[in-house]
Amino acid sequence: MSKYRQHQILVRELCISIQKEYPLALIFQPSVGLFFTKSGRPIKIGKNGQSDIYLLHPHSAMKLLFYVAIEVKTGNSQLSPVQKNFKREVESRGGTYILARSVEQTLEELKNVI
């Protein structure tokens, strides 16, 4: 199985598992990439280095949201320099950044956040 396919499967499994564990959460995957109009003009969508999954979860005691960016990696893949920069941006604004390698590991890290 290709690394791309493994990545897609893990992303899907994470979204399903997180939604089951946190039913109040808003979970979404952003559209990213380079697309072309009918006339052939390129349009870039998304931010370089952005995460694969985003989670917004209401804080139980206050009118606040937990913001979690989840970057999915399979095998021994590492964060690229632009992904490391995005991680710093998320954390500097009070968000949480999770490097996800499995469903179990990600759910465990989310327990520490939410």
C-alpha atoms as a PDB file:
ATOM      1  CA  MET A   1       0.000   0.000   0.000  1.00  0.00           C
ATOM      2  CA  SER A   2       1.328   3.449  -0.886  1.00  0.00           C
ATOM      3  CA  LYS A   3       2.303   5.954   1.811  1.00  0.00           C
ATOM      4  CA  TYR A   4      -0.324   8.338   0.421  1.00  0.00           C
ATOM      5  CA  ARG A   5      -3.038   5.683   0.809  1.00  0.00           C
ATOM      6  CA  GLN A   6      -1.863   4.824   4.349  1.00  0.00           C
ATOM      7  CA  HIS A   7      -2.031   8.522   5.196  1.00  0.00           C
ATOM      8  CA  GLN A   8      -5.572   8.860   3.819  1.00  0.00           C
ATOM      9  CA  ILE A   9      -6.756   5.819   5.771  1.00  0.00           C
ATOM     10  CA  LEU A  10      -5.271   7.113   9.037  1.00  0.00           C
ATOM     11  CA  VAL A  11      -6.835  10.560   8.497  1.00  0.00           C
ATOM     12  CA  ARG A  12     -10.252   8.966   7.956  1.00  0.00           C
ATOM     13  CA  GLU A  13      -9.868   6.668  11.002  1.00  0.00           C
ATOM     14  CA  LEU A  14      -8.824   9.624  13.152  1.00  0.00           C
ATOM     15  CA  CYS A  15     -11.792  11.764  12.102  1.00  0.00           C
ATOM     16  CA  ILE A  16     -14.238   8.942  12.851  1.00  0.00           C
ATOM     17  CA  SER A  17     -12.638   8.003  16.186  1.00  0.00           C
ATOM     18  CA  ILE A  18     -12.312  11.587  17.408  1.00  0.00           C
ATOM     19  CA  GLN A  19     -15.945  12.331  16.530  1.00  0.00           C
ATOM     20  CA  LYS A  20     -17.083   9.236  18.468  1.00  0.00           C
ATOM     21  CA  GLU A  21     -14.993  10.218  21.496  1.00  0.00           C
ATOM     22  CA  TYR A  22     -15.893  13.927  21.336  1.00  0.00           C
ATOM     23  CA  PRO A  23     -19.390  14.232  19.841  1.00  0.00           C
ATOM     24  CA  LEU A  24     -19.554  17.993  20.529  1.00  0.00           C
ATOM     25  CA  ALA A  25     -16.405  18.623  18.510  1.00  0.00           C
ATOM     26  CA  LEU A  26     -16.386  20.268  15.121  1.00  0.00           C
ATOM     27  CA  ILE A  27     -13.873  18.324  13.044  1.00  0.00           C
ATOM     28  CA  PHE A  28     -12.880  19.281   9.537  1.00  0.00           C
ATOM     29  CA  GLN A  29     -10.261  18.731   6.894  1.00  0.00           C
ATOM     30  CA  PRO A  30      -9.251  21.790   4.903  1.00  0.00           C
ATOM     31  CA  SER A  31      -9.031  21.787   1.125  1.00  0.00           C
ATOM     32  CA  VAL A  32      -5.462  22.410   0.065  1.00  0.00           C
ATOM     33  CA  GLY A  33      -3.498  22.260  -3.128  1.00  0.00           C
ATOM     34  CA  LEU A  34      -2.911  23.811  -6.487  1.00  0.00           C
ATOM     35  CA  PHE A  35      -5.931  23.921  -8.747  1.00  0.00           C
ATOM     36  CA  PHE A  36      -6.481  25.320 -12.215  1.00  0.00           C
ATOM     37  CA  THR A  37      -9.367  27.330 -13.602  1.00  0.00           C
ATOM     38  CA  LYS A  38     -10.966  26.364 -16.919  1.00  0.00           C
ATOM     39  CA  SER A  39      -8.693  28.889 -18.587  1.00  0.00           C
ATOM     40  CA  GLY A  40      -5.631  27.249 -17.025  1.00  0.00           C
ATOM     41  CA  ARG A  41      -4.874  29.914 -14.428  1.00  0.00           C
ATOM     42  CA  PRO A  42      -3.418  28.330 -11.251  1.00  0.00           C
ATOM     43  CA  ILE A  43      -5.106  28.954  -7.908  1.00  0.00           C
ATOM     44  CA  LYS A  44      -3.395  27.946  -4.688  1.00  0.00           C
ATOM     45  CA  ILE A  45      -5.742  27.037  -1.844  1.00  0.00           C
ATOM     46  CA  GLY A  46      -4.609  26.717   1.738  1.00  0.00           C
ATOM     47  CA  LYS A  47      -1.560  27.715   3.745  1.00  0.00           C
ATOM     48  CA  ASN A  48       1.816  26.062   3.354  1.00  0.00           C
ATOM     49  CA  GLY A  49       2.375  23.580   6.150  1.00  0.00           C
ATOM     50  CA  GLN A  50      -1.179  23.567   7.447  1.00  0.00           C
ATOM     51  CA  SER A  51      -2.448  20.517   9.301  1.00  0.00           C
ATOM     52  CA  ASP A  52      -4.553  17.659   7.975  1.00  0.00           C
ATOM     53  CA  ILE A  53      -7.330  17.852  10.573  1.00  0.00           C
ATOM     54  CA  TYR A  54      -8.742  20.643  12.739  1.00  0.00           C
ATOM     55  CA  LEU A  55     -10.809  20.231  15.858  1.00  0.00           C
ATOM     56  CA  LEU A  56     -12.847  22.837  17.688  1.00  0.00           C
ATOM     57  CA  HIS A  57     -14.324  21.750  21.001  1.00  0.00           C
ATOM     58  CA  PRO A  58     -16.371  23.842  23.430  1.00  0.00           C
ATOM     59  CA  HIS A  59     -14.895  24.427  26.868  1.00  0.00           C
ATOM     60  CA  SER A  60     -17.395  23.146  29.424  1.00  0.00           C
ATOM     61  CA  ALA A  61     -17.113  25.978  31.950  1.00  0.00           C
ATOM     62  CA  MET A  62     -16.560  29.007  29.722  1.00  0.00           C
ATOM     63  CA  LYS A  63     -17.651  30.348  26.377  1.00  0.00           C
ATOM     64  CA  LEU A  64     -14.340  29.301  24.821  1.00  0.00           C
ATOM     65  CA  LEU A  65     -13.211  26.773  22.255  1.00  0.00           C
ATOM     66  CA  PHE A  66     -10.286  24.436  22.329  1.00  0.00           C
ATOM     67  CA  TYR A  67      -8.456  24.689  18.994  1.00  0.00           C
ATOM     68  CA  VAL A  68      -6.425  21.658  17.958  1.00  0.00           C
ATOM     69  CA  ALA A  69      -4.452  21.239  14.734  1.00  0.00           C
ATOM     70  CA  ILE A  70      -3.616  17.613  13.944  1.00  0.00           C
ATOM     71  CA  GLU A  71      -0.855  16.725  11.505  1.00  0.00           C
ATOM     72  CA  VAL A  72      -0.976  13.088  10.404  1.00  0.00           C
ATOM     73  CA  LYS A  73       2.260  11.253   9.674  1.00  0.00           C
ATOM     74  CA  THR A  74       2.777   7.602   8.812  1.00  0.00           C
ATOM     75  CA  GLY A  75       5.917   5.524   9.112  1.00  0.00           C
ATOM     76  CA  ASN A  76       8.965   7.566  10.062  1.00  0.00           C
ATOM     77  CA  SER A  77       7.875  10.739   8.232  1.00  0.00           C
ATOM     78  CA  GLN A  78       8.897  13.966   9.941  1.00  0.00           C
ATOM     79  CA  LEU A  79       7.528  17.504   9.910  1.00  0.00           C
ATOM     80  CA  SER A  80       8.822  19.660   7.073  1.00  0.00           C
ATOM     81  CA  PRO A  81      10.269  23.102   7.874  1.00  0.00           C
ATOM     82  CA  VAL A  82       7.008  24.825   6.832  1.00  0.00           C
ATOM     83  CA  GLN A  83       5.002  22.395   8.996  1.00  0.00           C
ATOM     84  CA  LYS A  84       7.264  23.177  11.962  1.00  0.00           C
ATOM     85  CA  ASN A  85       6.626  26.874  11.345  1.00  0.00           C
ATOM     86  CA  PHE A  86       2.859  26.287  11.228  1.00  0.00           C
ATOM     87  CA  LYS A  87       3.112  24.333  14.508  1.00  0.00           C
ATOM     88  CA  ARG A  88       4.843  27.329  16.117  1.00  0.00           C
ATOM     89  CA  GLU A  89       2.128  29.653  14.764  1.00  0.00           C
ATOM     90  CA  VAL A  90      -0.669  27.511  16.217  1.00  0.00           C
ATOM     91  CA  GLU A  91       0.991  27.148  19.619  1.00  0.00           C
ATOM     92  CA  SER A  92       1.948  30.845  19.850  1.00  0.00           C
ATOM     93  CA  ARG A  93      -1.754  31.697  19.518  1.00  0.00           C
ATOM     94  CA  GLY A  94      -2.827  29.340  22.305  1.00  0.00           C
ATOM     95  CA  GLY A  95      -3.798  26.384  20.118  1.00  0.00           C
ATOM     96  CA  THR A  96      -2.673  22.806  20.485  1.00  0.00           C
ATOM     97  CA  TYR A  97      -0.727  20.974  17.792  1.00  0.00           C
ATOM     98  CA  ILE A  98      -0.679  17.189  17.705  1.00  0.00           C
ATOM     99  CA  LEU A  99       1.591  15.075  15.541  1.00  0.00           C
ATOM    100  CA  ALA A 100      -0.623  12.036  14.982  1.00  0.00           C
ATOM    101  CA  ARG A 101       0.861   8.643  14.213  1.00  0.00           C
ATOM    102  CA  SER A 102      -1.994   6.442  15.437  1.00  0.00           C
ATOM    103  CA  VAL A 103      -5.583   6.696  16.597  1.00  0.00           C
ATOM    104  CA  GLU A 104      -4.690   5.552  20.127  1.00  0.00           C
ATOM    105  CA  GLN A 105      -1.812   8.022  20.555  1.00  0.00           C
ATOM    106  CA  THR A 106      -3.926  10.913  19.238  1.00  0.00           C
ATOM    107  CA  LEU A 107      -6.901  10.154  21.506  1.00  0.00           C
ATOM    108  CA  GLU A 108      -4.542   9.950  24.481  1.00  0.00           C
ATOM    109  CA  GLU A 109      -3.056  13.360  23.664  1.00  0.00           C
ATOM    110  CA  LEU A 110      -6.527  14.845  23.193  1.00  0.00           C
ATOM    111  CA  LYS A 111      -7.502  13.644  26.695  1.00  0.00           C
ATOM    112  CA  ASN A 112      -4.721  15.861  28.045  1.00  0.00           C
ATOM    113  CA  VAL A 113      -6.059  18.877  26.151  1.00  0.00           C
ATOM    114  CA  ILE A 114      -9.862  18.662  26.343  1.00  0.00           C
END
